[in-house]
Amino acid sequence: MGKAPTVSVILPVLHEAGTINEALAHIHSADPDAAEIIIVDGDLLGSTISAVRNSGVITAISSKGRARQMNRGAALASGGILLFLHADTQLPVNALSMIKKVMEDRRLVAGAFKLGIRSERRIFRITEKYVSLRTRVTRIPFGDQAIFIRRDYFERIGGYKDIPLMEDVELMARIKKRGGSISIIPEKVLTSARRWEREGVLRCTARNWAIQTLYACGVPPERLAKWYTS
């Protein structure tokens, strides 16, 4: 038997048939020795995984819900480190090597990258700076920053909570509450600006800030999800 991969890359997807192969190509271009890649489709018909051309990728179907899909992918993973990657987020060059290097420090249990946004518009540079400051202060990265975590620790704390929104924040906050150390790698991932562009930058940004504030004030994710998807 071959050596188990150090990093398992888990992509929760929904209706990404048109872009999934580009996403996989970016993973391999960022790190030619890309480890195990697991795609979990939230469409019960498997519309995204049916478009995958790479036969070396592990695929699975789950009921819709990013937390649910990521937990399903984690259950299939064989790597000692789990990297949860949004399909529209691109890793920096040698990302997996950087993760492995950082996680040599056994005091660290999880981490993420700085956020970059794939757009030339100046307003997104402001957004990036805000996210960078927020992450430095809170040590709570969001899912589009490519969160990674030791698999044994992930399993020990029960994985992602099955909530429709803010599952990434809830997990990172839980780790902090337990005294776990979270690393922020200074290299940027590049996430798509498509939602901002589609909904309007100011409207989308204001809505996101409002949701984060209301969640911090104790508003249930189930109520916030209705606003997020409306």
Protein backbone atom coordinates (compact mmCIF):
# COMPACT_ATOMS: atom_id res chain seq x y z
CA MET A 1 0.00 0.00 0.00
CA GLY A 2 1.15 3.52 -0.76
CA LYS A 3 1.83 6.09 1.90
CA ALA A 4 -1.32 7.94 2.98
CA PRO A 5 -1.33 11.55 1.75
CA THR A 6 -0.45 14.20 4.29
CA VAL A 7 -3.17 16.60 3.10
CA SER A 8 -6.66 15.75 1.92
CA VAL A 9 -8.31 18.55 -0.06
CA ILE A 10 -12.10 18.60 0.42
CA LEU A 11 -14.32 20.60 -1.92
CA PRO A 12 -18.03 21.00 -1.06
CA VAL A 13 -19.78 21.85 -4.33
CA LEU A 14 -23.24 22.70 -5.63
CA HIS A 15 -24.02 23.39 -9.30
CA GLU A 16 -20.34 23.93 -10.21
CA ALA A 17 -20.27 21.71 -13.33
CA GLY A 18 -19.08 24.57 -15.51
CA THR A 19 -16.06 25.42 -13.35
CA ILE A 20 -15.11 22.27 -11.42
CA ASN A 21 -12.43 21.09 -13.84
CA GLU A 22 -10.84 24.53 -13.83
CA ALA A 23 -10.85 24.41 -10.03
CA LEU A 24 -9.11 21.03 -10.07
CA ALA A 25 -6.55 22.30 -12.58
CA HIS A 26 -5.76 25.21 -10.25
CA ILE A 27 -5.18 22.84 -7.34
CA HIS A 28 -2.69 20.82 -9.40
CA SER A 29 -0.99 23.94 -10.78
CA ALA A 30 -0.59 25.29 -7.24
CA ASP A 31 1.00 22.04 -6.12
CA PRO A 32 1.82 19.39 -8.79
CA ASP A 33 2.02 16.77 -6.05
CA ALA A 34 -1.49 17.61 -4.89
CA ALA A 35 -2.65 15.17 -2.32
CA GLU A 36 -5.96 13.39 -2.11
CA ILE A 37 -8.83 15.44 -3.55
CA ILE A 38 -12.40 14.74 -2.42
CA ILE A 39 -15.41 16.41 -4.05
CA VAL A 40 -18.72 16.23 -2.21
CA ASP A 41 -21.71 17.25 -4.32
CA GLY A 42 -24.71 18.76 -2.54
CA ASP A 43 -26.90 17.99 -5.56
CA LEU A 44 -28.42 14.54 -5.09
CA LEU A 45 -28.30 14.11 -8.88
CA GLY A 46 -24.52 14.65 -8.82
CA SER A 47 -24.54 17.34 -11.50
CA THR A 48 -21.09 18.63 -10.56
CA ILE A 49 -19.26 15.36 -10.02
CA SER A 50 -20.67 14.00 -13.29
CA ALA A 51 -18.67 16.72 -15.06
CA VAL A 52 -15.34 15.81 -13.38
CA ARG A 53 -12.78 14.58 -15.92
CA ASN A 54 -10.05 13.61 -13.43
CA SER A 55 -10.46 9.93 -12.60
CA GLY A 56 -8.10 10.22 -9.63
CA VAL A 57 -10.52 12.38 -7.67
CA ILE A 58 -12.71 10.85 -4.96
CA THR A 59 -16.35 11.85 -5.36
CA ALA A 60 -19.37 11.56 -3.11
CA ILE A 61 -22.93 12.84 -2.86
CA SER A 62 -24.43 14.38 0.25
CA SER A 63 -27.59 16.22 1.13
CA LYS A 64 -27.15 19.95 0.57
CA GLY A 65 -25.39 21.98 3.24
CA ARG A 66 -21.76 23.02 3.26
CA ALA A 67 -21.14 21.78 6.81
CA ARG A 68 -22.80 18.46 6.00
CA GLN A 69 -20.80 18.10 2.78
CA MET A 70 -17.49 18.92 4.45
CA ASN A 71 -18.13 16.44 7.25
CA ARG A 72 -18.90 13.81 4.62
CA GLY A 73 -15.63 14.57 2.83
CA ALA A 74 -13.69 14.42 6.10
CA ALA A 75 -15.11 10.96 6.79
CA LEU A 76 -13.71 9.77 3.45
CA ALA A 77 -10.29 11.39 3.88
CA SER A 78 -7.09 9.49 4.60
CA GLY A 79 -4.77 12.47 5.10
CA GLY A 80 -3.60 13.65 8.49
CA ILE A 81 -4.53 17.24 7.58
CA LEU A 82 -7.89 18.29 6.11
CA LEU A 83 -7.99 21.31 3.79
CA PHE A 84 -11.50 22.62 3.16
CA LEU A 85 -11.50 24.53 -0.12
CA HIS A 86 -14.35 26.41 -1.77
CA ALA A 87 -14.60 25.58 -5.47
CA ASP A 88 -14.22 29.26 -6.43
CA THR A 89 -11.10 29.81 -4.30
CA GLN A 90 -7.64 29.34 -5.81
CA LEU A 91 -4.67 28.26 -3.70
CA PRO A 92 -1.30 30.02 -3.86
CA VAL A 93 1.68 28.21 -5.37
CA ASN A 94 3.04 25.48 -3.07
CA ALA A 95 0.06 25.87 -0.76
CA LEU A 96 0.12 22.27 0.41
CA SER A 97 3.83 22.46 1.14
CA MET A 98 3.23 25.61 3.18
CA ILE A 99 0.48 23.88 5.14
CA LYS A 100 2.66 20.86 5.88
CA LYS A 101 5.52 23.10 6.96
CA VAL A 102 3.31 25.16 9.29
CA MET A 103 1.73 22.07 10.81
CA GLU A 104 5.09 20.64 11.78
CA ASP A 105 4.51 22.77 14.87
CA ARG A 106 2.45 20.35 16.96
CA ARG A 107 1.08 23.22 19.03
CA LEU A 108 -1.01 24.28 16.04
CA VAL A 109 -4.29 22.49 15.37
CA ALA A 110 -5.70 24.54 12.48
CA GLY A 111 -5.05 27.42 10.13
CA ALA A 112 -5.97 29.32 6.98
CA PHE A 113 -4.53 31.77 4.45
CA LYS A 114 -4.94 35.51 3.96
CA LEU A 115 -7.81 36.45 1.69
CA GLY A 116 -7.37 37.79 -1.81
CA ILE A 117 -10.19 38.58 -4.24
CA ARG A 118 -9.89 37.99 -7.98
CA SER A 119 -10.80 41.45 -9.23
CA GLU A 120 -8.89 44.55 -10.26
CA ARG A 121 -11.45 46.85 -8.62
CA ARG A 122 -9.93 49.00 -5.90
CA ILE A 123 -12.82 48.47 -3.50
CA PHE A 124 -11.79 44.83 -3.13
CA ARG A 125 -8.36 45.89 -1.88
CA ILE A 126 -10.22 47.64 0.96
CA THR A 127 -12.19 44.45 1.61
CA GLU A 128 -8.97 42.44 1.70
CA LYS A 129 -7.42 44.82 4.22
CA TYR A 130 -10.51 44.67 6.41
CA VAL A 131 -10.54 40.86 6.35
CA SER A 132 -6.81 40.75 7.09
CA LEU A 133 -7.25 43.03 10.11
CA ARG A 134 -10.29 41.12 11.34
CA THR A 135 -8.47 37.80 11.05
CA ARG A 136 -5.37 39.08 12.85
CA VAL A 137 -7.46 40.43 15.71
CA THR A 138 -9.95 37.57 16.11
CA ARG A 139 -7.84 34.62 14.84
CA ILE A 140 -11.10 33.37 13.31
CA PRO A 141 -10.70 32.92 9.54
CA PHE A 142 -13.67 32.33 7.25
CA GLY A 143 -14.20 29.42 4.88
CA ASP A 144 -13.08 31.28 1.76
CA GLN A 145 -9.62 31.55 3.36
CA ALA A 146 -9.06 27.80 2.85
CA ILE A 147 -9.31 26.46 6.40
CA PHE A 148 -7.12 23.48 7.28
CA ILE A 149 -7.14 21.37 10.43
CA ARG A 150 -5.58 18.23 11.85
CA ARG A 151 -7.90 15.33 11.13
CA ASP A 152 -7.61 13.73 14.57
CA TYR A 153 -8.45 17.06 16.22
CA PHE A 154 -11.34 17.66 13.79
CA GLU A 155 -12.81 14.28 14.68
CA ARG A 156 -12.23 14.79 18.40
CA ILE A 157 -14.20 18.05 18.50
CA GLY A 158 -17.04 16.69 16.37
CA GLY A 159 -16.34 18.37 13.03
CA TYR A 160 -18.51 21.12 11.60
CA LYS A 161 -21.77 21.84 13.34
CA ASP A 162 -24.68 21.09 11.01
CA ILE A 163 -25.93 24.64 10.56
CA PRO A 164 -26.88 26.38 7.29
CA LEU A 165 -24.55 29.36 7.68
CA MET A 166 -21.49 30.48 9.67
CA GLU A 167 -20.31 26.89 10.11
CA ASP A 168 -16.73 28.05 9.49
CA VAL A 169 -16.89 30.79 12.13
CA GLU A 170 -18.55 28.45 14.62
CA LEU A 171 -15.80 25.85 14.17
CA MET A 172 -12.94 28.35 14.51
CA ALA A 173 -14.56 29.98 17.55
CA ARG A 174 -15.00 26.56 19.14
CA ILE A 175 -11.33 25.78 18.56
CA LYS A 176 -10.33 29.08 20.17
CA LYS A 177 -12.62 28.44 23.13
CA ARG A 178 -10.90 25.09 23.66
CA GLY A 179 -7.50 26.81 23.64
CA GLY A 180 -6.44 25.55 20.21
CA SER A 181 -3.84 27.53 18.25
CA ILE A 182 -4.77 28.72 14.75
CA SER A 183 -2.13 29.79 12.20
CA ILE A 184 -2.73 32.37 9.47
CA ILE A 185 -0.35 31.82 6.55
CA PRO A 186 0.54 35.25 5.07
CA GLU A 187 0.19 34.09 1.44
CA LYS A 188 -3.16 34.87 -0.19
CA VAL A 189 -5.75 32.54 -1.59
CA LEU A 190 -7.74 34.15 -4.41
CA THR A 191 -11.49 33.84 -4.15
CA SER A 192 -14.00 34.76 -6.84
CA ALA A 193 -15.71 38.14 -6.75
CA ARG A 194 -18.77 36.68 -8.51
CA ARG A 195 -21.23 37.07 -5.64
CA TRP A 196 -20.16 40.65 -4.94
CA GLU A 197 -20.37 41.46 -8.66
CA ARG A 198 -23.76 39.81 -9.06
CA GLU A 199 -25.41 41.38 -6.02
CA GLY A 200 -23.55 44.69 -5.97
CA VAL A 201 -20.37 45.25 -3.98
CA LEU A 202 -21.76 47.66 -1.38
CA ARG A 203 -25.00 45.73 -0.85
CA CYS A 204 -23.22 42.39 -0.54
CA THR A 205 -20.55 43.76 1.79
CA ALA A 206 -23.10 45.48 4.03
CA ARG A 207 -25.21 42.32 4.16
CA ASN A 208 -22.18 40.21 5.09
CA TRP A 209 -21.17 42.58 7.88
CA ALA A 210 -24.72 42.62 9.19
CA ILE A 211 -24.92 38.83 9.22
CA GLN A 212 -21.57 38.56 11.04
CA THR A 213 -22.71 41.12 13.62
CA LEU A 214 -26.09 39.50 14.17
CA TYR A 215 -24.49 36.05 14.49
CA ALA A 216 -22.07 37.43 17.08
CA CYS A 217 -25.11 38.82 18.94
CA GLY A 218 -26.69 35.39 19.07
CA VAL A 219 -29.13 35.38 16.14
CA PRO A 220 -29.57 31.73 15.03
CA PRO A 221 -27.89 30.76 11.72
CA GLU A 222 -31.21 29.36 10.48
CA ARG A 223 -32.70 32.88 10.52
CA LEU A 224 -29.59 34.43 9.00
CA ALA A 225 -29.52 31.90 6.17
CA LYS A 226 -32.89 33.13 4.89
CA TRP A 227 -31.45 36.63 4.59
CA TYR A 228 -28.22 35.41 2.99
CA THR A 229 -30.00 33.51 0.23
CA SER A 230 -32.79 35.99 -0.38
